[in-house]
Amino acid sequence: FLKKYENLADINDEIQWHFIGNLQTRQVKKIINDIDYLH
C-alpha cells in the first residue's frame, strides 16, 4: 500500500484508499493516517 500510495501521489486526492487485510498492531502507525477506510 505505501509503495502504491507514493507512486500514485499525483492522483491521491481523487482516490479513496481502503485497507482490507489483517492489520498488525505494530503496522498501524505506518498507514493509518493515509487510508480512508479500514475494513
Full PDB file with SEQRES, HELIX, SHEET, SSBOND, CRYST1, ORIGX, SCALE, CONECT and MASTER records, all heavy atoms in Angstrom:
SEQRES   1 A   39  PHE LEU LYS LYS TYR GLU ASN LEU ALA ASP ILE ASN ASP          
SEQRES   2 A   39  GLU ILE GLN TRP HIS PHE ILE GLY ASN LEU GLN THR ARG          
SEQRES   3 A   39  GLN VAL LYS LYS ILE ILE ASN ASP ILE ASP TYR LEU HIS          
HELIX    1 AA1 LEU A    2  ASN A    7  1                                   6    
HELIX    2 AA2 ALA A    9  GLU A   14  5                                   6    
HELIX    3 AA3 THR A   25  GLN A   27  5                                   3    
HELIX    4 AA4 VAL A   28  ILE A   31  1                                   4    
SHEET    1 AA1 2 HIS A  18  PHE A  19  0                                        
SHEET    2 AA1 2 TYR A  37  LEU A  38  1                                        
CRYST1    1.000    1.000    1.000  90.00  90.00  90.00 P 1           1          
ORIGX1      1.000000  0.000000  0.000000        0.00000                         
ORIGX2      0.000000  1.000000  0.000000        0.00000                         
ORIGX3      0.000000  0.000000  1.000000        0.00000                         
SCALE1      1.000000  0.000000  0.000000        0.00000                         
SCALE2      0.000000  1.000000  0.000000        0.00000                         
SCALE3      0.000000  0.000000  1.000000        0.00000                         
ATOM      1  N   PHE A   1       0.830  -1.207   0.000  1.00  0.00           N  
ATOM      2  CA  PHE A   1       0.000   0.000   0.000  1.00  0.00           C  
ATOM      3  C   PHE A   1       0.865   1.257   0.000  1.00  0.00           C  
ATOM      4  O   PHE A   1       0.638   2.185  -0.786  1.00  0.00           O  
ATOM      5  CB  PHE A   1      -0.934   0.017   1.212  1.00  0.00           C  
ATOM      6  CG  PHE A   1      -1.451   1.396   1.524  1.00  0.00           C  
ATOM      7  CD1 PHE A   1      -2.371   2.007   0.688  1.00  0.00           C  
ATOM      8  CD2 PHE A   1      -0.977   2.098   2.628  1.00  0.00           C  
ATOM      9  CE1 PHE A   1      -2.820   3.302   0.946  1.00  0.00           C  
ATOM     10  CE2 PHE A   1      -1.427   3.381   2.902  1.00  0.00           C  
ATOM     11  CZ  PHE A   1      -2.347   3.985   2.054  1.00  0.00           C  
ATOM     12  N   LEU A   2       1.854   1.311   0.874  1.00  0.00           N  
ATOM     13  CA  LEU A   2       2.683   2.507   0.990  1.00  0.00           C  
ATOM     14  C   LEU A   2       3.439   2.800  -0.310  1.00  0.00           C  
ATOM     15  O   LEU A   2       3.566   3.964  -0.711  1.00  0.00           O  
ATOM     16  CB  LEU A   2       3.666   2.353   2.149  1.00  0.00           C  
ATOM     17  CG  LEU A   2       3.037   2.412   3.547  1.00  0.00           C  
ATOM     18  CD1 LEU A   2       4.055   2.009   4.602  1.00  0.00           C  
ATOM     19  CD2 LEU A   2       2.475   3.797   3.838  1.00  0.00           C  
ATOM     20  N   LYS A   3       3.911   1.754  -0.968  1.00  0.00           N  
ATOM     21  CA  LYS A   3       4.609   1.939  -2.248  1.00  0.00           C  
ATOM     22  C   LYS A   3       3.659   2.510  -3.294  1.00  0.00           C  
ATOM     23  O   LYS A   3       3.995   3.458  -4.017  1.00  0.00           O  
ATOM     24  CB  LYS A   3       5.186   0.606  -2.718  1.00  0.00           C  
ATOM     25  CG  LYS A   3       5.908   0.660  -4.058  1.00  0.00           C  
ATOM     26  CD  LYS A   3       6.523  -0.698  -4.380  1.00  0.00           C  
ATOM     27  CE  LYS A   3       7.225  -0.695  -5.745  1.00  0.00           C  
ATOM     28  NZ  LYS A   3       6.235  -0.618  -6.847  1.00  0.00           N  
ATOM     29  N   LYS A   4       2.452   1.952  -3.380  1.00  0.00           N  
ATOM     30  CA  LYS A   4       1.492   2.435  -4.368  1.00  0.00           C  
ATOM     31  C   LYS A   4       1.006   3.841  -4.019  1.00  0.00           C  
ATOM     32  O   LYS A   4       0.815   4.680  -4.915  1.00  0.00           O  
ATOM     33  CB  LYS A   4       0.313   1.461  -4.463  1.00  0.00           C  
ATOM     34  CG  LYS A   4       0.692   0.129  -5.104  1.00  0.00           C  
ATOM     35  CD  LYS A   4      -0.487  -0.815  -5.167  1.00  0.00           C  
ATOM     36  CE  LYS A   4      -0.119  -2.094  -5.924  1.00  0.00           C  
ATOM     37  NZ  LYS A   4      -1.249  -3.045  -5.978  1.00  0.00           N  
ATOM     38  N   TYR A   5       0.808   4.093  -2.743  1.00  0.00           N  
ATOM     39  CA  TYR A   5       0.381   5.421  -2.298  1.00  0.00           C  
ATOM     40  C   TYR A   5       1.395   6.477  -2.732  1.00  0.00           C  
ATOM     41  O   TYR A   5       1.021   7.552  -3.215  1.00  0.00           O  
ATOM     42  CB  TYR A   5       0.234   5.416  -0.772  1.00  0.00           C  
ATOM     43  CG  TYR A   5      -0.316   6.697  -0.187  1.00  0.00           C  
ATOM     44  CD1 TYR A   5      -1.689   6.913  -0.121  1.00  0.00           C  
ATOM     45  CD2 TYR A   5       0.537   7.672   0.313  1.00  0.00           C  
ATOM     46  CE1 TYR A   5      -2.196   8.090   0.426  1.00  0.00           C  
ATOM     47  CE2 TYR A   5       0.044   8.846   0.852  1.00  0.00           C  
ATOM     48  CZ  TYR A   5      -1.322   9.044   0.910  1.00  0.00           C  
ATOM     49  OH  TYR A   5      -1.816  10.206   1.448  1.00  0.00           O  
ATOM     50  N   GLU A   6       2.662   6.156  -2.606  1.00  0.00           N  
ATOM     51  CA  GLU A   6       3.715   7.087  -3.012  1.00  0.00           C  
ATOM     52  C   GLU A   6       3.760   7.240  -4.527  1.00  0.00           C  
ATOM     53  O   GLU A   6       3.871   8.362  -5.050  1.00  0.00           O  
ATOM     54  CB  GLU A   6       5.063   6.595  -2.490  1.00  0.00           C  
ATOM     55  CG  GLU A   6       6.238   7.490  -2.855  1.00  0.00           C  
ATOM     56  CD  GLU A   6       7.560   6.974  -2.318  1.00  0.00           C  
ATOM     57  OE1 GLU A   6       7.561   5.990  -1.547  1.00  0.00           O  
ATOM     58  OE2 GLU A   6       8.607   7.573  -2.685  1.00  0.00           O  
ATOM     59  N   ASN A   7       3.658   6.127  -5.241  1.00  0.00           N  
ATOM     60  CA  ASN A   7       3.784   6.173  -6.701  1.00  0.00           C  
ATOM     61  C   ASN A   7       2.563   6.771  -7.393  1.00  0.00           C  
ATOM     62  O   ASN A   7       2.640   7.156  -8.570  1.00  0.00           O  
ATOM     63  CB  ASN A   7       4.048   4.771  -7.244  1.00  0.00           C  
ATOM     64  CG  ASN A   7       5.428   4.260  -6.886  1.00  0.00           C  
ATOM     65  OD1 ASN A   7       6.318   5.034  -6.533  1.00  0.00           O  
ATOM     66  ND2 ASN A   7       5.618   2.947  -6.950  1.00  0.00           N  
ATOM     67  N   LEU A   8       1.443   6.829  -6.679  1.00  0.00           N  
ATOM     68  CA  LEU A   8       0.223   7.419  -7.242  1.00  0.00           C  
ATOM     69  C   LEU A   8      -0.095   8.765  -6.582  1.00  0.00           C  
ATOM     70  O   LEU A   8      -1.236   9.219  -6.580  1.00  0.00           O  
ATOM     71  CB  LEU A   8      -0.964   6.459  -7.056  1.00  0.00           C  
ATOM     72  CG  LEU A   8      -0.850   5.123  -7.800  1.00  0.00           C  
ATOM     73  CD1 LEU A   8      -1.988   4.191  -7.397  1.00  0.00           C  
ATOM     74  CD2 LEU A   8      -0.854   5.330  -9.311  1.00  0.00           C  
ATOM     75  N   ALA A   9       0.947   9.406  -6.069  1.00  0.00           N  
ATOM     76  CA  ALA A   9       0.755  10.648  -5.318  1.00  0.00           C  
ATOM     77  C   ALA A   9       0.039  11.725  -6.121  1.00  0.00           C  
ATOM     78  O   ALA A   9      -0.734  12.519  -5.560  1.00  0.00           O  
ATOM     79  CB  ALA A   9       2.103  11.172  -4.828  1.00  0.00           C  
ATOM     80  N   ASP A  10       0.223  11.733  -7.434  1.00  0.00           N  
ATOM     81  CA  ASP A  10      -0.381  12.786  -8.259  1.00  0.00           C  
ATOM     82  C   ASP A  10      -1.894  12.650  -8.380  1.00  0.00           C  
ATOM     83  O   ASP A  10      -2.580  13.615  -8.744  1.00  0.00           O  
ATOM     84  CB  ASP A  10       0.251  12.795  -9.649  1.00  0.00           C  
ATOM     85  CG  ASP A  10       0.153  11.449 -10.348  1.00  0.00           C  
ATOM     86  OD1 ASP A  10       0.538  10.432  -9.741  1.00  0.00           O  
ATOM     87  OD2 ASP A  10      -0.320  11.404 -11.508  1.00  0.00           O  
ATOM     88  N   ILE A  11      -2.435  11.456  -8.080  1.00  0.00           N  
ATOM     89  CA  ILE A  11      -3.894  11.288  -8.153  1.00  0.00           C  
ATOM     90  C   ILE A  11      -4.500  10.877  -6.808  1.00  0.00           C  
ATOM     91  O   ILE A  11      -5.681  10.528  -6.738  1.00  0.00           O  
ATOM     92  CB  ILE A  11      -4.297  10.259  -9.240  1.00  0.00           C  
ATOM     93  CG1 ILE A  11      -3.628   8.899  -8.994  1.00  0.00           C  
ATOM     94  CG2 ILE A  11      -3.963  10.783 -10.629  1.00  0.00           C  
ATOM     95  CD1 ILE A  11      -4.152   7.795  -9.912  1.00  0.00           C  
ATOM     96  N   ASN A  12      -3.703  10.943  -5.748  1.00  0.00           N  
ATOM     97  CA  ASN A  12      -4.205  10.511  -4.447  1.00  0.00           C  
ATOM     98  C   ASN A  12      -5.432  11.284  -3.989  1.00  0.00           C  
ATOM     99  O   ASN A  12      -6.295  10.745  -3.292  1.00  0.00           O  
ATOM    100  CB  ASN A  12      -3.109  10.622  -3.373  1.00  0.00           C  
ATOM    101  CG  ASN A  12      -2.394   9.297  -3.160  1.00  0.00           C  
ATOM    102  OD1 ASN A  12      -2.937   8.239  -3.473  1.00  0.00           O  
ATOM    103  ND2 ASN A  12      -1.179   9.358  -2.640  1.00  0.00           N  
ATOM    104  N   ASP A  13      -5.515  12.550  -4.369  1.00  0.00           N  
ATOM    105  CA  ASP A  13      -6.669  13.355  -3.968  1.00  0.00           C  
ATOM    106  C   ASP A  13      -7.959  12.862  -4.613  1.00  0.00           C  
ATOM    107  O   ASP A  13      -9.052  13.216  -4.153  1.00  0.00           O  
ATOM    108  CB  ASP A  13      -6.445  14.828  -4.327  1.00  0.00           C  
ATOM    109  CG  ASP A  13      -5.396  15.487  -3.446  1.00  0.00           C  
ATOM    110  OD1 ASP A  13      -5.055  14.903  -2.397  1.00  0.00           O  
ATOM    111  OD2 ASP A  13      -4.928  16.592  -3.808  1.00  0.00           O  
ATOM    112  N   GLU A  14      -7.831  12.052  -5.666  1.00  0.00           N  
ATOM    113  CA  GLU A  14      -9.007  11.542  -6.368  1.00  0.00           C  
ATOM    114  C   GLU A  14      -9.287  10.080  -6.027  1.00  0.00           C  
ATOM    115  O   GLU A  14     -10.179   9.466  -6.609  1.00  0.00           O  
ATOM    116  CB  GLU A  14      -8.799  11.688  -7.881  1.00  0.00           C  
ATOM    117  CG  GLU A  14      -8.546  13.116  -8.316  1.00  0.00           C  
ATOM    118  CD  GLU A  14      -8.090  13.202  -9.762  1.00  0.00           C  
ATOM    119  OE1 GLU A  14      -8.353  12.256 -10.530  1.00  0.00           O  
ATOM    120  OE2 GLU A  14      -7.461  14.213 -10.114  1.00  0.00           O  
ATOM    121  N   ILE A  15      -8.514   9.523  -5.089  1.00  0.00           N  
ATOM    122  CA  ILE A  15      -8.629   8.112  -4.725  1.00  0.00           C  
ATOM    123  C   ILE A  15      -9.124   7.980  -3.291  1.00  0.00           C  
ATOM    124  O   ILE A  15      -8.735   8.757  -2.426  1.00  0.00           O  
ATOM    125  CB  ILE A  15      -7.266   7.401  -4.862  1.00  0.00           C  
ATOM    126  CG1 ILE A  15      -6.837   7.323  -6.333  1.00  0.00           C  
ATOM    127  CG2 ILE A  15      -7.309   5.994  -4.257  1.00  0.00           C  
ATOM    128  CD1 ILE A  15      -5.437   6.793  -6.529  1.00  0.00           C  
ATOM    129  N   GLN A  16      -9.948   6.985  -3.046  1.00  0.00           N  
ATOM    130  CA  GLN A  16     -10.314   6.561  -1.699  1.00  0.00           C  
ATOM    131  C   GLN A  16      -9.591   5.242  -1.443  1.00  0.00           C  
ATOM    132  O   GLN A  16      -9.822   4.253  -2.138  1.00  0.00           O  
ATOM    133  CB  GLN A  16     -11.824   6.375  -1.572  1.00  0.00           C  
ATOM    134  CG  GLN A  16     -12.627   7.664  -1.733  1.00  0.00           C  
ATOM    135  CD  GLN A  16     -12.501   8.563  -0.525  1.00  0.00           C  
ATOM    136  OE1 GLN A  16     -12.968   8.233   0.566  1.00  0.00           O  
ATOM    137  NE2 GLN A  16     -11.874   9.715  -0.707  1.00  0.00           N  
ATOM    138  N   TRP A  17      -8.718   5.242  -0.445  1.00  0.00           N  
ATOM    139  CA  TRP A  17      -7.922   4.060  -0.139  1.00  0.00           C  
ATOM    140  C   TRP A  17      -8.581   3.233   0.954  1.00  0.00           C  
ATOM    141  O   TRP A  17      -8.898   3.755   2.025  1.00  0.00           O  
ATOM    142  CB  TRP A  17      -6.518   4.467   0.312  1.00  0.00           C  
ATOM    143  CG  TRP A  17      -5.641   4.990  -0.778  1.00  0.00           C  
ATOM    144  CD1 TRP A  17      -5.343   6.301  -1.048  1.00  0.00           C  
ATOM    145  CD2 TRP A  17      -4.924   4.220  -1.747  1.00  0.00           C  
ATOM    146  NE1 TRP A  17      -4.493   6.391  -2.131  1.00  0.00           N  
ATOM    147  CE2 TRP A  17      -4.213   5.128  -2.570  1.00  0.00           C  
ATOM    148  CE3 TRP A  17      -4.807   2.851  -1.999  1.00  0.00           C  
ATOM    149  CZ2 TRP A  17      -3.402   4.704  -3.628  1.00  0.00           C  
ATOM    150  CZ3 TRP A  17      -3.996   2.437  -3.048  1.00  0.00           C  
ATOM    151  CH2 TRP A  17      -3.307   3.352  -3.847  1.00  0.00           C  
ATOM    152  N   HIS A  18      -8.744   1.940   0.676  1.00  0.00           N  
ATOM    153  CA  HIS A  18      -9.344   1.000   1.621  1.00  0.00           C  
ATOM    154  C   HIS A  18      -8.285  -0.022   2.016  1.00  0.00           C  
ATOM    155  O   HIS A  18      -7.683  -0.666   1.143  1.00  0.00           O  
ATOM    156  CB  HIS A  18     -10.526   0.262   0.988  1.00  0.00           C  
ATOM    157  CG  HIS A  18     -11.640   1.157   0.553  1.00  0.00           C  
ATOM    158  ND1 HIS A  18     -12.867   1.164   1.178  1.00  0.00           N  
ATOM    159  CD2 HIS A  18     -11.728   2.065  -0.459  1.00  0.00           C  
ATOM    160  CE1 HIS A  18     -13.660   2.039   0.573  1.00  0.00           C  
ATOM    161  NE2 HIS A  18     -12.981   2.598  -0.422  1.00  0.00           N  
ATOM    162  N   PHE A  19      -8.070  -0.194   3.321  1.00  0.00           N  
ATOM    163  CA  PHE A  19      -7.205  -1.281   3.769  1.00  0.00           C  
ATOM    164  C   PHE A  19      -8.111  -2.436   4.168  1.00  0.00           C  
ATOM    165  O   PHE A  19      -8.961  -2.305   5.050  1.00  0.00           O  
ATOM    166  CB  PHE A  19      -6.305  -0.875   4.939  1.00  0.00           C  
ATOM    167  CG  PHE A  19      -5.209  -1.879   5.179  1.00  0.00           C  
ATOM    168  CD1 PHE A  19      -4.048  -1.846   4.423  1.00  0.00           C  
ATOM    169  CD2 PHE A  19      -5.363  -2.889   6.115  1.00  0.00           C  
ATOM    170  CE1 PHE A  19      -3.051  -2.795   4.598  1.00  0.00           C  
ATOM    171  CE2 PHE A  19      -4.369  -3.841   6.305  1.00  0.00           C  
ATOM    172  CZ  PHE A  19      -3.208  -3.791   5.548  1.00  0.00           C  
ATOM    173  N   ILE A  20      -7.937  -3.586   3.505  1.00  0.00           N  
ATOM    174  CA  ILE A  20      -8.897  -4.682   3.645  1.00  0.00           C  
ATOM    175  C   ILE A  20      -8.305  -5.930   4.285  1.00  0.00           C  
ATOM    176  O   ILE A  20      -9.026  -6.912   4.494  1.00  0.00           O  
ATOM    177  CB  ILE A  20      -9.500  -5.052   2.272  1.00  0.00           C  
ATOM    178  CG1 ILE A  20      -8.401  -5.516   1.312  1.00  0.00           C  
ATOM    179  CG2 ILE A  20     -10.261  -3.862   1.677  1.00  0.00           C  
ATOM    180  CD1 ILE A  20      -8.913  -6.067  -0.004  1.00  0.00           C  
ATOM    181  N   GLY A  21      -7.004  -5.900   4.601  1.00  0.00           N  
ATOM    182  CA  GLY A  21      -6.368  -7.095   5.152  1.00  0.00           C  
ATOM    183  C   GLY A  21      -6.193  -7.016   6.653  1.00  0.00           C  
ATOM    184  O   GLY A  21      -6.491  -6.004   7.290  1.00  0.00           O  
ATOM    185  N   ASN A  22      -5.699  -8.109   7.214  1.00  0.00           N  
ATOM    186  CA  ASN A  22      -5.361  -8.115   8.626  1.00  0.00           C  
ATOM    187  C   ASN A  22      -4.267  -7.084   8.887  1.00  0.00           C  
ATOM    188  O   ASN A  22      -3.261  -7.036   8.176  1.00  0.00           O  
ATOM    189  CB  ASN A  22      -4.887  -9.512   9.043  1.00  0.00           C  
ATOM    190  CG  ASN A  22      -4.428  -9.557  10.481  1.00  0.00           C  
ATOM    191  OD1 ASN A  22      -3.252  -9.423  10.769  1.00  0.00           O  
ATOM    192  ND2 ASN A  22      -5.377  -9.753  11.389  1.00  0.00           N  
ATOM    193  N   LEU A  23      -4.468  -6.260   9.898  1.00  0.00           N  
ATOM    194  CA  LEU A  23      -3.509  -5.209  10.208  1.00  0.00           C  
ATOM    195  C   LEU A  23      -2.869  -5.491  11.564  1.00  0.00           C  
ATOM    196  O   LEU A  23      -3.551  -5.508  12.591  1.00  0.00           O  
ATOM    197  CB  LEU A  23      -4.201  -3.842  10.233  1.00  0.00           C  
ATOM    198  CG  LEU A  23      -3.311  -2.623  10.502  1.00  0.00           C  
ATOM    199  CD1 LEU A  23      -2.213  -2.507   9.454  1.00  0.00           C  
ATOM    200  CD2 LEU A  23      -4.160  -1.349  10.527  1.00  0.00           C  
ATOM    201  N   GLN A  24      -1.577  -5.736  11.543  1.00  0.00           N  
ATOM    202  CA  GLN A  24      -0.860  -5.965  12.789  1.00  0.00           C  
ATOM    203  C   GLN A  24      -0.743  -4.656  13.568  1.00  0.00           C  
ATOM    204  O   GLN A  24      -0.598  -3.583  12.986  1.00  0.00           O  
ATOM    205  CB  GLN A  24       0.525  -6.529  12.508  1.00  0.00           C  
ATOM    206  CG  GLN A  24       0.509  -7.898  11.839  1.00  0.00           C  
ATOM    207  CD  GLN A  24       1.914  -8.444  11.593  1.00  0.00           C  
ATOM    208  OE1 GLN A  24       2.856  -8.073  12.271  1.00  0.00           O  
ATOM    209  NE2 GLN A  24       2.029  -9.311  10.605  1.00  0.00           N  
ATOM    210  N   THR A  25      -0.790  -4.766  14.880  1.00  0.00           N  
ATOM    211  CA  THR A  25      -0.763  -3.581  15.725  1.00  0.00           C  
ATOM    212  C   THR A  25       0.465  -2.726  15.444  1.00  0.00           C  
ATOM    213  O   THR A  25       0.380  -1.490  15.378  1.00  0.00           O  
ATOM    214  CB  THR A  25      -0.804  -3.998  17.208  1.00  0.00           C  
ATOM    215  OG1 THR A  25      -1.953  -4.835  17.426  1.00  0.00           O  
ATOM    216  CG2 THR A  25      -0.897  -2.788  18.113  1.00  0.00           C  
ATOM    217  N   ARG A  26       1.607  -3.364  15.249  1.00  0.00           N  
ATOM    218  CA  ARG A  26       2.842  -2.614  15.040  1.00  0.00           C  
ATOM    219  C   ARG A  26       2.879  -1.886  13.698  1.00  0.00           C  
ATOM    220  O   ARG A  26       3.730  -1.003  13.483  1.00  0.00           O  
ATOM    221  CB  ARG A  26       4.052  -3.548  15.148  1.00  0.00           C  
ATOM    222  CG  ARG A  26       4.089  -4.644  14.099  1.00  0.00           C  
ATOM    223  CD  ARG A  26       5.288  -5.568  14.281  1.00  0.00           C  
ATOM    224  NE  ARG A  26       5.282  -6.691  13.358  1.00  0.00           N  
ATOM    225  CZ  ARG A  26       5.708  -6.633  12.117  1.00  0.00           C  
ATOM    226  NH1 ARG A  26       6.178  -5.492  11.635  1.00  0.00           N  
ATOM    227  NH2 ARG A  26       5.679  -7.701  11.348  1.00  0.00           N  
ATOM    228  N   GLN A  27       1.966  -2.215  12.794  1.00  0.00           N  
ATOM    229  CA  GLN A  27       1.940  -1.576  11.484  1.00  0.00           C  
ATOM    230  C   GLN A  27       0.978  -0.397  11.405  1.00  0.00           C  
ATOM    231  O   GLN A  27       0.963   0.327  10.410  1.00  0.00           O  
ATOM    232  CB  GLN A  27       1.556  -2.606  10.419  1.00  0.00           C  
ATOM    233  CG  GLN A  27       2.567  -3.732  10.261  1.00  0.00           C  
ATOM    234  CD  GLN A  27       2.061  -4.846   9.359  1.00  0.00           C  
ATOM    235  OE1 GLN A  27       0.871  -5.146   9.338  1.00  0.00           O  
ATOM    236  NE2 GLN A  27       2.964  -5.452   8.599  1.00  0.00           N  
ATOM    237  N   VAL A  28       0.191  -0.209  12.458  1.00  0.00           N  
ATOM    238  CA  VAL A  28      -0.847   0.825  12.431  1.00  0.00           C  
ATOM    239  C   VAL A  28      -0.257   2.200  12.138  1.00  0.00           C  
ATOM    240  O   VAL A  28      -0.753   2.947  11.285  1.00  0.00           O  
ATOM    241  CB  VAL A  28      -1.625   0.843  13.763  1.00  0.00           C  
ATOM    242  CG1 VAL A  28      -2.512   2.093  13.858  1.00  0.00           C  
ATOM    243  CG2 VAL A  28      -2.478  -0.405  13.898  1.00  0.00           C  
ATOM    244  N   LYS A  29       0.801   2.554  12.833  1.00  0.00           N  
ATOM    245  CA  LYS A  29       1.356   3.907  12.698  1.00  0.00           C  
ATOM    246  C   LYS A  29       1.856   4.185  11.285  1.00  0.00           C  
ATOM    247  O   LYS A  29       1.941   5.354  10.870  1.00  0.00           O  
ATOM    248  CB  LYS A  29       2.475   4.114  13.714  1.00  0.00           C  
ATOM    249  CG  LYS A  29       3.689   3.214  13.525  1.00  0.00           C  
ATOM    250  CD  LYS A  29       4.728   3.460  14.616  1.00  0.00           C  
ATOM    251  CE  LYS A  29       5.943   2.546  14.461  1.00  0.00           C  
ATOM    252  NZ  LYS A  29       6.943   2.769  15.536  1.00  0.00           N  
ATOM    253  N   LYS A  30       2.187   3.134  10.519  1.00  0.00           N  
ATOM    254  CA  LYS A  30       2.721   3.324   9.180  1.00  0.00           C  
ATOM    255  C   LYS A  30       1.661   3.788   8.184  1.00  0.00           C  
ATOM    256  O   LYS A  30       1.972   4.517   7.242  1.00  0.00           O  
ATOM    257  CB  LYS A  30       3.356   2.026   8.672  1.00  0.00           C  
ATOM    258  CG  LYS A  30       4.538   1.538   9.479  1.00  0.00           C  
ATOM    259  CD  LYS A  30       5.072   0.240   8.884  1.00  0.00           C  
ATOM    260  CE  LYS A  30       6.259  -0.298   9.666  1.00  0.00           C  
ATOM    261  NZ  LYS A  30       6.782  -1.568   9.099  1.00  0.00           N  
ATOM    262  N   ILE A  31       0.416   3.337   8.364  1.00  0.00           N  
ATOM    263  CA  ILE A  31      -0.583   3.566   7.313  1.00  0.00           C  
ATOM    264  C   ILE A  31      -1.842   4.299   7.760  1.00  0.00           C  
ATOM    265  O   ILE A  31      -2.575   4.811   6.916  1.00  0.00           O  
ATOM    266  CB  ILE A  31      -1.017   2.232   6.668  1.00  0.00           C  
ATOM    267  CG1 ILE A  31      -1.885   1.411   7.629  1.00  0.00           C  
ATOM    268  CG2 ILE A  31       0.185   1.429   6.188  1.00  0.00           C  
ATOM    269  CD1 ILE A  31      -2.644   0.287   6.952  1.00  0.00           C  
ATOM    270  N   ILE A  32      -2.103   4.356   9.048  1.00  0.00           N  
ATOM    271  CA  ILE A  32      -3.450   4.717   9.497  1.00  0.00           C  
ATOM    272  C   ILE A  32      -3.864   6.121   9.068  1.00  0.00           C  
ATOM    273  O   ILE A  32      -5.050   6.380   8.839  1.00  0.00           O  
ATOM    274  CB  ILE A  32      -3.583   4.546  11.031  1.00  0.00           C  
ATOM    275  CG1 ILE A  32      -5.064   4.446  11.429  1.00  0.00           C  
ATOM    276  CG2 ILE A  32      -2.877   5.680  11.780  1.00  0.00           C  
ATOM    277  CD1 ILE A  32      -5.782   3.255  10.861  1.00  0.00           C  
ATOM    278  N   ASN A  33      -2.914   7.021   8.915  1.00  0.00           N  
ATOM    279  CA  ASN A  33      -3.275   8.387   8.537  1.00  0.00           C  
ATOM    280  C   ASN A  33      -3.258   8.625   7.031  1.00  0.00           C  
ATOM    281  O   ASN A  33      -3.466   9.763   6.580  1.00  0.00           O  
ATOM    282  CB  ASN A  33      -2.359   9.382   9.264  1.00  0.00           C  
ATOM    283  CG  ASN A  33      -2.638   9.400  10.755  1.00  0.00           C  
ATOM    284  OD1 ASN A  33      -3.748   9.664  11.185  1.00  0.00           O  
ATOM    285  ND2 ASN A  33      -1.618   9.075  11.547  1.00  0.00           N  
ATOM    286  N   ASP A  34      -3.030   7.572   6.265  1.00  0.00           N  
ATOM    287  CA  ASP A  34      -3.071   7.682   4.807  1.00  0.00           C  
ATOM    288  C   ASP A  34      -4.238   6.929   4.184  1.00  0.00           C  
ATOM    289  O   ASP A  34      -4.465   7.057   2.971  1.00  0.00           O  
ATOM    290  CB  ASP A  34      -1.758   7.160   4.201  1.00  0.00           C  
ATOM    291  CG  ASP A  34      -0.576   8.045   4.537  1.00  0.00           C  
ATOM    292  OD1 ASP A  34      -0.760   9.277   4.648  1.00  0.00           O  
ATOM    293  OD2 ASP A  34       0.538   7.511   4.715  1.00  0.00           O  
ATOM    294  N   ILE A  35      -4.952   6.134   4.960  1.00  0.00           N  
ATOM    295  CA  ILE A  35      -6.091   5.390   4.402  1.00  0.00           C  
ATOM    296  C   ILE A  35      -7.393   6.128   4.704  1.00  0.00           C  
ATOM    297  O   ILE A  35      -7.481   6.935   5.627  1.00  0.00           O  
ATOM    298  CB  ILE A  35      -6.154   3.958   4.951  1.00  0.00           C  
ATOM    299  CG1 ILE A  35      -6.369   3.940   6.471  1.00  0.00           C  
ATOM    300  CG2 ILE A  35      -4.903   3.185   4.552  1.00  0.00           C  
ATOM    301  CD1 ILE A  35      -6.590   2.548   7.044  1.00  0.00           C  
ATOM    302  N   ASP A  36      -8.407   5.818   3.902  1.00  0.00           N  
ATOM    303  CA  ASP A  36      -9.730   6.414   4.099  1.00  0.00           C  
ATOM    304  C   ASP A  36     -10.686   5.464   4.809  1.00  0.00           C  
ATOM    305  O   ASP A  36     -11.609   5.921   5.499  1.00  0.00           O  
ATOM    306  CB  ASP A  36     -10.320   6.814   2.745  1.00  0.00           C  
ATOM    307  CG  ASP A  36      -9.465   7.849   2.038  1.00  0.00           C  
ATOM    308  OD1 ASP A  36      -9.464   9.018   2.491  1.00  0.00           O  
ATOM    309  OD2 ASP A  36      -8.775   7.505   1.057  1.00  0.00           O  
ATOM    310  N   TYR A  37     -10.472   4.158   4.643  1.00  0.00           N  
ATOM    311  CA  TYR A  37     -11.334   3.153   5.263  1.00  0.00           C  
ATOM    312  C   TYR A  37     -10.494   1.971   5.735  1.00  0.00           C  
ATOM    313  O   TYR A  37      -9.574   1.540   5.035  1.00  0.00           O  
ATOM    314  CB  TYR A  37     -12.376   2.607   4.270  1.00  0.00           C  
ATOM    315  CG  TYR A  37     -13.379   3.604   3.761  1.00  0.00           C  
ATOM    316  CD1 TYR A  37     -13.103   4.380   2.630  1.00  0.00           C  
ATOM    317  CD2 TYR A  37     -14.623   3.760   4.387  1.00  0.00           C  
ATOM    318  CE1 TYR A  37     -14.029   5.293   2.147  1.00  0.00           C  
ATOM    319  CE2 TYR A  37     -15.555   4.666   3.905  1.00  0.00           C  
ATOM    320  CZ  TYR A  37     -15.252   5.431   2.790  1.00  0.00           C  
ATOM    321  OH  TYR A  37     -16.164   6.329   2.304  1.00  0.00           O  
ATOM    322  N   LEU A  38     -10.859   1.440   6.894  1.00  0.00           N  
ATOM    323  CA  LEU A  38     -10.298   0.177   7.379  1.00  0.00           C  
ATOM    324  C   LEU A  38     -11.434  -0.830   7.470  1.00  0.00           C  
ATOM    325  O   LEU A  38     -12.409  -0.606   8.195  1.00  0.00           O  
ATOM    326  CB  LEU A  38      -9.648   0.366   8.755  1.00  0.00           C  
ATOM    327  CG  LEU A  38      -9.144  -0.918   9.426  1.00  0.00           C  
ATOM    328  CD1 LEU A  38      -7.936  -1.474   8.675  1.00  0.00           C  
ATOM    329  CD2 LEU A  38      -8.796  -0.668  10.884  1.00  0.00           C  
ATOM    330  N   HIS A  39     -11.312  -1.933   6.726  1.00  0.00           N  
ATOM    331  CA  HIS A  39     -12.390  -2.926   6.692  1.00  0.00           C  
ATOM    332  C   HIS A  39     -12.166  -4.075   7.675  1.00  0.00           C  
ATOM    333  O   HIS A  39     -12.961  -5.020   7.682  1.00  0.00           O  
ATOM    334  CB  HIS A  39     -12.516  -3.516   5.286  1.00  0.00           C  
ATOM    335  CG  HIS A  39     -13.100  -2.578   4.281  1.00  0.00           C  
ATOM    336  ND1 HIS A  39     -14.333  -2.774   3.687  1.00  0.00           N  
ATOM    337  CD2 HIS A  39     -12.612  -1.422   3.747  1.00  0.00           C  
ATOM    338  CE1 HIS A  39     -14.579  -1.791   2.833  1.00  0.00           C  
ATOM    339  NE2 HIS A  39     -13.546  -0.958   2.857  1.00  0.00           N  
TER     340      HIS A  39                                                      
MASTER        0    0    0    4    2    0    0    6  339    1    0    3          
END                                                                             
